[in-house]
């Protein structure tokens, strides 16, 4: 399921004070269904396609799709952790080794 990002979510404008909480919970429950394209992941992480391809291969980041690779939110989180580790001075191998265990 590909999800277009909402323009803005104004929870404070809701008439029912619990509506905002219900909206956040509903969005949270759907995060695992979000699939991001290569371009979306690159923009979100601030990396090039070449970096994403290399990191995906070296860190064995799971993707979906046949014609077009799609990344889930957990994969994006992994990519962001790798970027953070590299920025702190680790090598790519060190960044991959420092990743938390993946959920099955």
N, C-alpha and C. Protein backbone atom coordinates (compact mmCIF):
# COMPACT_ATOMS: atom_id res chain seq x y z
N UNK A 1 0.84 -1.16 0.00
CA UNK A 1 0.00 0.00 0.00
C UNK A 1 0.89 1.23 0.00
N UNK A 2 0.78 2.06 -0.99
CA UNK A 2 1.52 3.32 -1.08
C UNK A 2 0.63 4.41 -0.51
N UNK A 3 1.17 5.18 0.41
CA UNK A 3 0.38 6.21 1.08
C UNK A 3 0.97 7.57 0.77
N UNK A 4 0.16 8.46 0.23
CA UNK A 4 0.58 9.84 0.01
C UNK A 4 0.60 10.56 1.34
N UNK A 5 1.64 11.35 1.62
CA UNK A 5 1.66 12.08 2.88
C UNK A 5 0.58 13.14 2.93
N UNK A 6 -0.03 13.29 4.09
CA UNK A 6 -1.05 14.33 4.27
C UNK A 6 -0.38 15.68 4.28
N UNK A 7 -1.06 16.70 3.76
CA UNK A 7 -0.50 18.04 3.72
C UNK A 7 -0.22 18.53 5.14
N UNK A 8 -1.22 18.54 5.97
CA UNK A 8 -1.06 18.96 7.36
C UNK A 8 -2.10 18.25 8.20
N UNK A 9 -1.74 17.96 9.42
CA UNK A 9 -2.66 17.32 10.34
C UNK A 9 -2.80 18.24 11.54
N UNK A 10 -3.96 18.87 11.68
CA UNK A 10 -4.20 19.83 12.76
C UNK A 10 -5.06 19.17 13.83
N UNK A 11 -4.40 18.56 14.81
CA UNK A 11 -5.11 17.86 15.85
C UNK A 11 -5.77 18.82 16.84
N UNK A 12 -5.19 19.99 17.01
CA UNK A 12 -5.73 20.96 17.97
C UNK A 12 -7.05 21.57 17.50
N UNK A 13 -7.35 21.46 16.22
CA UNK A 13 -8.57 22.05 15.68
C UNK A 13 -9.79 21.15 15.83
N UNK A 14 -9.61 19.95 16.33
CA UNK A 14 -10.72 19.01 16.44
C UNK A 14 -11.70 19.46 17.52
N UNK A 15 -13.01 19.28 17.25
CA UNK A 15 -14.04 19.64 18.23
C UNK A 15 -14.04 18.67 19.40
N UNK A 16 -13.92 17.39 19.12
CA UNK A 16 -13.86 16.36 20.16
C UNK A 16 -12.41 16.22 20.62
N UNK A 17 -12.11 16.43 21.89
CA UNK A 17 -10.72 16.36 22.35
C UNK A 17 -10.09 14.99 22.17
N UNK A 18 -10.88 13.94 22.09
CA UNK A 18 -10.34 12.60 21.89
C UNK A 18 -10.12 12.26 20.42
N UNK A 19 -10.66 13.10 19.54
CA UNK A 19 -10.53 12.83 18.10
C UNK A 19 -9.06 12.85 17.68
N UNK A 20 -8.29 13.80 18.22
CA UNK A 20 -6.87 13.88 17.89
C UNK A 20 -6.13 12.63 18.28
N UNK A 21 -6.39 12.13 19.48
CA UNK A 21 -5.75 10.92 19.96
C UNK A 21 -6.13 9.73 19.08
N UNK A 22 -7.42 9.64 18.73
CA UNK A 22 -7.87 8.54 17.85
C UNK A 22 -7.17 8.62 16.49
N UNK A 23 -6.99 9.84 15.98
CA UNK A 23 -6.32 10.02 14.69
C UNK A 23 -4.88 9.56 14.77
N UNK A 24 -4.16 9.95 15.82
CA UNK A 24 -2.77 9.56 15.99
C UNK A 24 -2.66 8.04 16.13
N UNK A 25 -3.52 7.43 16.92
CA UNK A 25 -3.49 5.98 17.09
C UNK A 25 -3.78 5.26 15.78
N UNK A 26 -4.74 5.78 15.01
CA UNK A 26 -5.06 5.17 13.72
C UNK A 26 -3.88 5.28 12.77
N UNK A 27 -3.19 6.41 12.76
CA UNK A 27 -2.01 6.56 11.91
C UNK A 27 -0.90 5.63 12.35
N UNK A 28 -0.69 5.53 13.65
CA UNK A 28 0.34 4.65 14.17
C UNK A 28 0.11 3.20 13.80
N UNK A 29 -1.13 2.79 13.83
CA UNK A 29 -1.47 1.41 13.48
C UNK A 29 -1.23 1.13 12.00
N UNK A 30 -1.24 2.17 11.17
CA UNK A 30 -1.07 1.98 9.73
C UNK A 30 0.37 2.16 9.27
N UNK A 31 1.28 2.55 10.18
CA UNK A 31 2.67 2.79 9.77
C UNK A 31 3.29 1.57 9.12
N UNK A 32 2.98 0.40 9.63
CA UNK A 32 3.59 -0.80 9.05
C UNK A 32 3.11 -1.07 7.63
N UNK A 33 2.03 -0.44 7.20
CA UNK A 33 1.53 -0.63 5.84
C UNK A 33 2.13 0.36 4.85
N UNK A 34 2.84 1.37 5.34
CA UNK A 34 3.40 2.40 4.45
C UNK A 34 4.58 1.81 3.68
N UNK A 35 4.62 2.09 2.40
CA UNK A 35 5.72 1.67 1.55
C UNK A 35 6.26 2.91 0.83
N UNK A 36 7.57 3.10 0.89
CA UNK A 36 8.21 4.28 0.31
C UNK A 36 9.03 3.87 -0.90
N UNK A 37 9.02 4.71 -1.92
CA UNK A 37 9.83 4.45 -3.11
C UNK A 37 11.28 4.82 -2.83
N UNK A 38 12.16 4.45 -3.73
CA UNK A 38 13.58 4.77 -3.61
C UNK A 38 13.76 6.29 -3.49
N UNK A 39 13.08 7.03 -4.34
CA UNK A 39 13.19 8.49 -4.31
C UNK A 39 12.72 9.09 -3.00
N UNK A 40 11.63 8.57 -2.46
CA UNK A 40 11.11 9.07 -1.19
C UNK A 40 12.07 8.78 -0.05
N UNK A 41 12.67 7.60 -0.05
CA UNK A 41 13.63 7.25 0.99
C UNK A 41 14.86 8.15 0.89
N UNK A 42 15.34 8.37 -0.33
CA UNK A 42 16.51 9.22 -0.53
C UNK A 42 16.24 10.64 -0.05
N UNK A 43 15.07 11.18 -0.37
CA UNK A 43 14.73 12.54 0.09
C UNK A 43 14.59 12.59 1.61
N UNK A 44 13.94 11.60 2.19
CA UNK A 44 13.73 11.58 3.64
C UNK A 44 15.06 11.45 4.39
N UNK A 45 15.97 10.65 3.86
CA UNK A 45 17.24 10.40 4.54
C UNK A 45 18.32 11.40 4.13
N UNK A 46 18.10 12.11 3.03
CA UNK A 46 19.11 13.06 2.56
C UNK A 46 20.34 12.36 1.99
N UNK A 47 20.10 11.27 1.26
CA UNK A 47 21.20 10.51 0.67
C UNK A 47 20.92 10.32 -0.82
N UNK A 48 21.96 9.90 -1.54
CA UNK A 48 21.81 9.66 -2.98
C UNK A 48 21.28 8.24 -3.22
N UNK A 49 20.82 8.01 -4.44
CA UNK A 49 20.35 6.67 -4.82
C UNK A 49 21.51 5.68 -4.75
N UNK A 50 22.70 6.14 -5.13
CA UNK A 50 23.86 5.27 -5.09
C UNK A 50 24.17 4.84 -3.65
N UNK A 51 24.09 5.77 -2.71
CA UNK A 51 24.29 5.42 -1.30
C UNK A 51 23.22 4.43 -0.84
N UNK A 52 21.97 4.71 -1.19
CA UNK A 52 20.88 3.83 -0.77
C UNK A 52 21.08 2.42 -1.33
N UNK A 53 21.45 2.32 -2.59
CA UNK A 53 21.69 1.00 -3.19
C UNK A 53 22.80 0.25 -2.45
N UNK A 54 23.89 0.95 -2.15
CA UNK A 54 25.04 0.35 -1.48
C UNK A 54 24.66 -0.08 -0.07
N UNK A 55 24.02 0.80 0.67
CA UNK A 55 23.63 0.48 2.04
C UNK A 55 22.63 -0.67 2.07
N UNK A 56 21.68 -0.66 1.13
CA UNK A 56 20.68 -1.73 1.06
C UNK A 56 21.37 -3.08 0.88
N UNK A 57 22.37 -3.10 0.01
CA UNK A 57 23.11 -4.34 -0.25
C UNK A 57 23.95 -4.75 0.96
N UNK A 58 24.76 -3.82 1.48
CA UNK A 58 25.69 -4.14 2.56
C UNK A 58 24.99 -4.45 3.88
N UNK A 59 23.91 -3.73 4.17
CA UNK A 59 23.20 -3.95 5.44
C UNK A 59 22.05 -4.95 5.29
N UNK A 60 21.88 -5.47 4.10
CA UNK A 60 20.80 -6.42 3.80
C UNK A 60 19.44 -5.87 4.26
N UNK A 61 19.18 -4.64 3.84
CA UNK A 61 17.91 -3.99 4.19
C UNK A 61 16.82 -4.59 3.31
N UNK A 62 15.77 -5.12 3.91
CA UNK A 62 14.72 -5.76 3.10
C UNK A 62 13.92 -4.73 2.29
N UNK A 63 13.57 -5.12 1.09
CA UNK A 63 12.72 -4.30 0.23
C UNK A 63 11.61 -5.18 -0.32
N UNK A 64 10.60 -4.51 -0.85
CA UNK A 64 9.49 -5.21 -1.50
C UNK A 64 9.41 -4.72 -2.94
N UNK A 65 8.57 -5.36 -3.70
CA UNK A 65 8.33 -4.92 -5.07
C UNK A 65 9.26 -5.61 -6.05
N UNK A 66 8.79 -5.71 -7.28
CA UNK A 66 9.57 -6.33 -8.34
C UNK A 66 10.17 -5.28 -9.27
N UNK A 67 9.31 -4.52 -9.93
CA UNK A 67 9.80 -3.51 -10.85
C UNK A 67 10.37 -2.31 -10.12
N UNK A 68 9.77 -1.95 -9.02
CA UNK A 68 10.21 -0.80 -8.24
C UNK A 68 10.41 -1.24 -6.79
N UNK A 69 11.62 -0.99 -6.26
CA UNK A 69 11.88 -1.34 -4.87
C UNK A 69 11.06 -0.44 -3.96
N UNK A 70 10.49 -1.03 -2.92
CA UNK A 70 9.73 -0.29 -1.94
C UNK A 70 10.29 -0.61 -0.55
N UNK A 71 10.37 0.41 0.28
CA UNK A 71 10.91 0.27 1.63
C UNK A 71 9.80 0.52 2.63
N UNK A 72 9.79 -0.24 3.72
CA UNK A 72 8.81 0.01 4.78
C UNK A 72 9.42 0.97 5.80
N UNK A 73 8.64 1.35 6.79
CA UNK A 73 9.09 2.33 7.79
C UNK A 73 10.27 1.79 8.59
N UNK A 74 10.28 0.52 8.89
CA UNK A 74 11.39 -0.08 9.64
C UNK A 74 12.70 -0.01 8.83
N UNK A 75 12.60 -0.19 7.52
CA UNK A 75 13.79 -0.07 6.67
C UNK A 75 14.28 1.37 6.64
N UNK A 76 13.36 2.33 6.58
CA UNK A 76 13.75 3.74 6.63
C UNK A 76 14.45 4.04 7.96
N UNK A 77 13.94 3.50 9.04
CA UNK A 77 14.56 3.69 10.36
C UNK A 77 15.99 3.15 10.35
N UNK A 78 16.18 1.98 9.76
CA UNK A 78 17.52 1.38 9.65
C UNK A 78 18.45 2.29 8.87
N UNK A 79 17.97 2.84 7.77
CA UNK A 79 18.77 3.73 6.93
C UNK A 79 19.16 4.99 7.71
N UNK A 80 18.22 5.53 8.48
CA UNK A 80 18.51 6.72 9.27
C UNK A 80 19.54 6.41 10.37
N UNK A 81 19.47 5.23 10.96
CA UNK A 81 20.45 4.83 11.97
C UNK A 81 21.84 4.67 11.36
N UNK A 82 21.90 4.13 10.16
CA UNK A 82 23.19 4.00 9.46
C UNK A 82 23.77 5.39 9.20
N UNK A 83 22.93 6.29 8.71
CA UNK A 83 23.41 7.64 8.42
C UNK A 83 23.93 8.31 9.70
N UNK A 84 23.21 8.16 10.79
CA UNK A 84 23.63 8.74 12.06
C UNK A 84 24.96 8.14 12.53
N UNK A 85 25.12 6.84 12.39
CA UNK A 85 26.36 6.18 12.79
C UNK A 85 27.54 6.66 11.94
N UNK A 86 27.32 6.80 10.64
CA UNK A 86 28.38 7.28 9.76
C UNK A 86 28.78 8.71 10.11
N UNK A 87 27.79 9.53 10.45
CA UNK A 87 28.06 10.92 10.82
C UNK A 87 28.86 11.01 12.13
N UNK A 88 28.72 10.00 12.97
CA UNK A 88 29.46 10.01 14.24
C UNK A 88 30.86 9.42 14.09
N UNK A 89 31.23 9.02 12.89
CA UNK A 89 32.59 8.56 12.64
C UNK A 89 32.77 7.07 12.42
N UNK A 90 31.70 6.32 12.49
CA UNK A 90 31.82 4.87 12.25
C UNK A 90 32.00 4.60 10.76
N UNK A 91 32.57 3.45 10.47
CA UNK A 91 32.61 2.96 9.10
C UNK A 91 31.25 2.34 8.79
N UNK A 92 31.00 2.03 7.53
CA UNK A 92 29.73 1.38 7.19
C UNK A 92 29.62 0.03 7.88
N UNK A 93 30.71 -0.72 7.91
CA UNK A 93 30.68 -2.03 8.58
C UNK A 93 30.37 -1.85 10.07
N UNK A 94 30.95 -0.84 10.69
CA UNK A 94 30.68 -0.57 12.10
C UNK A 94 29.25 -0.11 12.32
N UNK A 95 28.74 0.69 11.39
CA UNK A 95 27.35 1.16 11.50
C UNK A 95 26.38 -0.01 11.38
N UNK A 96 26.64 -0.90 10.46
CA UNK A 96 25.77 -2.07 10.28
C UNK A 96 25.85 -2.98 11.50
N UNK A 97 27.06 -3.16 12.05
CA UNK A 97 27.23 -4.01 13.23
C UNK A 97 26.53 -3.43 14.44
N UNK A 98 26.41 -2.09 14.50
CA UNK A 98 25.79 -1.43 15.65
C UNK A 98 24.27 -1.37 15.57
N UNK A 99 23.72 -1.81 14.45
CA UNK A 99 22.25 -1.77 14.31
C UNK A 99 21.59 -2.68 15.32
N UNK A 100 20.44 -2.25 15.87
CA UNK A 100 19.71 -3.15 16.77
C UNK A 100 19.18 -4.35 15.98
N UNK A 101 18.93 -5.42 16.70
CA UNK A 101 18.39 -6.63 16.05
C UNK A 101 17.08 -6.30 15.38
N UNK A 102 16.90 -6.82 14.19
CA UNK A 102 15.67 -6.57 13.44
C UNK A 102 14.54 -7.40 13.95
N UNK A 103 13.34 -6.79 13.91
CA UNK A 103 12.14 -7.54 14.28
C UNK A 103 11.75 -8.47 13.16
N UNK A 104 11.24 -9.63 13.50
CA UNK A 104 10.84 -10.61 12.47
C UNK A 104 9.43 -10.34 12.02
